[in-house]
Protein backbone atom coordinates (compact mmCIF):
# COMPACT_ATOMS: atom_id res chain seq x y z
CA MET A 1 -34.75 -25.01 33.20
CA ASN A 2 -36.92 -23.29 30.65
CA THR A 3 -35.22 -22.67 27.28
CA LYS A 4 -36.59 -21.59 23.96
CA VAL A 5 -35.07 -22.10 20.57
CA VAL A 6 -35.72 -19.34 18.12
CA TYR A 7 -35.26 -19.82 14.40
CA GLY A 8 -34.95 -17.08 11.82
CA PRO A 9 -32.54 -15.06 9.78
CA GLY A 10 -29.56 -13.43 11.45
CA ASP A 11 -26.71 -11.24 10.40
CA ILE A 12 -23.06 -11.69 11.18
CA TYR A 13 -21.22 -8.54 10.28
CA LYS A 14 -17.75 -8.60 8.82
CA LYS A 15 -15.04 -7.17 11.06
CA THR A 16 -13.49 -3.94 9.83
CA LEU A 17 -9.74 -3.93 9.32
CA THR A 18 -7.43 -0.93 9.51
CA VAL A 19 -4.95 -0.38 6.68
CA GLY A 20 -1.55 1.15 7.38
CA VAL A 21 1.40 1.74 5.10
CA ASP A 22 5.16 1.89 5.64
CA ASN A 23 7.26 4.73 4.25
CA ILE A 24 7.80 4.43 0.51
CA ASP A 25 10.79 6.16 -1.01
CA LYS A 26 11.62 6.61 -4.66
CA VAL A 27 14.25 8.00 -6.96
CA TYR A 28 13.21 11.40 -8.33
CA ASP A 29 11.44 11.07 -11.66
CA GLY A 30 9.66 14.43 -11.90
CA THR A 31 6.22 12.98 -11.03
CA ARG A 32 4.12 12.65 -7.88
CA THR A 33 3.33 8.98 -8.64
CA VAL A 34 4.34 6.25 -6.20
CA VAL A 35 6.12 3.49 -8.12
CA ARG A 36 7.70 0.15 -7.25
CA ASP A 37 10.87 -1.33 -8.61
CA ALA A 38 9.85 -4.45 -10.50
CA GLY A 39 13.43 -5.07 -11.59
CA GLY A 40 15.05 -4.67 -14.95
CA GLY A 41 14.44 -0.93 -15.01
CA VAL A 42 10.64 -1.39 -14.85
CA PHE A 43 8.73 0.86 -12.42
CA PRO A 44 4.97 0.15 -12.46
CA PRO A 45 2.83 3.03 -11.10
CA HIS A 46 1.62 1.14 -8.02
CA PRO A 47 3.12 0.59 -4.57
CA GLU A 48 4.75 -2.64 -3.42
CA ALA A 49 2.29 -4.98 -1.66
CA GLY A 50 4.67 -5.61 1.25
CA LYS A 51 4.42 -1.97 2.32
CA PHE A 52 0.76 -2.30 3.38
CA ARG A 53 -0.28 -3.60 6.80
CA LEU A 54 -3.73 -4.88 7.74
CA SER A 55 -4.64 -4.89 11.44
CA GLY A 56 -7.67 -5.64 13.60
CA PHE A 57 -7.91 -9.39 12.95
CA VAL A 58 -9.74 -11.77 15.28
CA GLY A 59 -7.69 -14.51 16.94
CA SER A 60 -5.01 -16.04 14.76
CA ASP A 61 -6.48 -14.77 11.47
CA SER A 62 -4.10 -12.79 9.33
CA PHE A 63 -3.33 -12.08 5.70
CA SER A 64 -1.85 -9.29 3.63
CA PHE A 65 -2.31 -7.91 0.14
CA ASP A 66 -0.61 -9.71 -2.71
CA GLN A 67 0.80 -7.66 -5.59
CA THR A 68 -2.29 -8.23 -7.75
CA ALA A 69 -4.39 -6.53 -5.07
CA ALA A 70 -1.83 -3.77 -4.41
CA ASP A 71 -1.84 -2.93 -8.12
CA LYS A 72 -5.38 -1.55 -7.53
CA ILE A 73 -3.88 1.15 -5.26
CA ASP A 74 -2.55 4.46 -6.57
CA GLY A 75 -0.33 6.75 -4.54
CA LEU A 76 0.60 10.39 -5.02
CA TYR A 77 3.31 12.34 -3.20
CA SER A 78 2.26 15.82 -2.03
CA ASP A 79 4.55 17.29 -4.71
CA PRO A 80 7.04 15.90 -7.23
CA ASP A 81 10.15 17.65 -5.93
CA VAL A 82 12.98 16.45 -3.72
CA SER A 83 12.95 18.11 -0.29
CA ARG A 84 16.07 18.48 1.84
CA ALA A 85 16.81 19.75 5.32
CA ALA A 86 19.51 22.37 5.86
CA ASP A 87 22.04 19.58 6.50
CA GLY A 88 21.22 17.95 3.16
CA THR A 89 19.21 14.97 4.43
CA PHE A 90 16.15 14.04 2.40
CA LEU A 91 12.81 14.91 4.02
CA ASP A 92 9.64 12.84 4.09
CA LYS A 93 6.51 14.06 2.30
CA ASP A 94 2.86 13.14 2.62
CA ILE A 95 1.55 10.44 0.30
CA ALA A 96 -2.18 9.99 -0.42
CA TYR A 97 -3.26 6.49 -1.45
CA SER A 98 -6.58 5.63 -3.09
CA GLY A 99 -8.11 2.36 -4.26
CA VAL A 100 -7.72 0.57 -0.92
CA LYS A 101 -11.26 -0.86 -1.02
CA ALA A 102 -10.73 -2.16 -4.55
CA ALA A 103 -7.47 -3.80 -3.45
CA PHE A 104 -9.19 -5.52 -0.53
CA GLU A 105 -12.10 -6.69 -2.69
CA ASN A 106 -9.65 -8.01 -5.28
CA TYR A 107 -7.78 -9.95 -2.62
CA ALA A 108 -11.00 -11.37 -1.11
CA ASP A 109 -12.32 -12.38 -4.56
CA ASN A 110 -9.07 -14.11 -5.52
CA HIS A 111 -8.70 -15.90 -2.15
CA ALA A 112 -12.29 -17.00 -1.57
CA GLY A 113 -11.38 -19.81 0.82
CA SER A 114 -9.33 -17.55 3.08
CA ALA A 115 -10.24 -15.59 6.19
CA ALA A 116 -10.71 -12.50 3.99
CA LYS A 117 -14.39 -13.35 3.60
CA ASN A 118 -14.89 -12.46 7.29
CA TYR A 119 -13.45 -8.95 7.00
CA ARG A 120 -13.92 -5.65 5.23
CA VAL A 121 -12.16 -2.34 4.72
CA ASP A 122 -14.42 0.69 5.04
CA GLY A 123 -12.22 3.49 3.73
CA ASP A 124 -10.91 3.80 0.20
CA THR A 125 -8.00 6.06 1.13
CA VAL A 126 -5.04 5.91 3.48
CA SER A 127 -2.21 8.35 4.17
CA GLY A 128 1.48 7.60 4.30
CA ARG A 129 4.90 9.20 4.12
CA GLY A 130 7.94 8.82 1.93
CA ARG A 131 10.72 10.71 0.28
CA SER A 132 11.88 11.36 -3.21
CA ARG A 133 15.63 11.57 -3.68
CA ARG A 134 17.91 12.44 -6.52
CA VAL A 135 20.61 10.08 -7.62
CA ARG A 136 23.72 11.75 -8.90
CA SER A 137 25.13 10.24 -12.02
CA ARG A 138 28.86 9.99 -12.38
CA ARG A 139 30.46 10.77 -15.66
CA MET A 140 33.03 8.41 -16.91
CA ILE A 141 35.67 9.89 -19.08
CA LEU A 142 37.24 7.47 -21.49
CA GLN A 143 40.56 8.22 -23.01
CA MET A 144 41.41 6.65 -26.26
CA VAL A 145 45.02 5.75 -26.68
C-alpha cells in the first residue's frame, strides 16, 4: 500500500445555521417596536430569547440565544395598528427583525467553550409574524357612603 502524508494549512469552514422565530404578540402601545415583558411593567424594546430557534446543527450539537444575545435584535411590526378580521379576531402581521448576526456573535463571544465556535449565521435579518391587540380597561365606579 502506497500512502503519502501531506502537511500544510487547511480550512475547516463553520456550518451555517438557520434562524427562525415564533409568533410574537404584544399589547397595543402605538408603536411598531417588538417588546418583551420583563415583569413589573417593564417592556424592553427587544424580543424574548426563547422565541428564536436555531437549526442546522451537526450531530447532537445545539444551543439557543440567551437574553443578552437576543437584546441585540430589534423587531418592527409592519404597522403599529391592531388588525381584526370581520369576526373580531386579531390578525397576524409581518415582523422584520434585524441584528441577528450581532446576536449570534454576542452569544459565541460570551460562550467561547461551547459548540457556537463551530457555527455561523450568514444573514442579519429574519422575518416573523405576530399580532398587536388592544386590552380594554374596565372602569371601576366607587360609591362613597
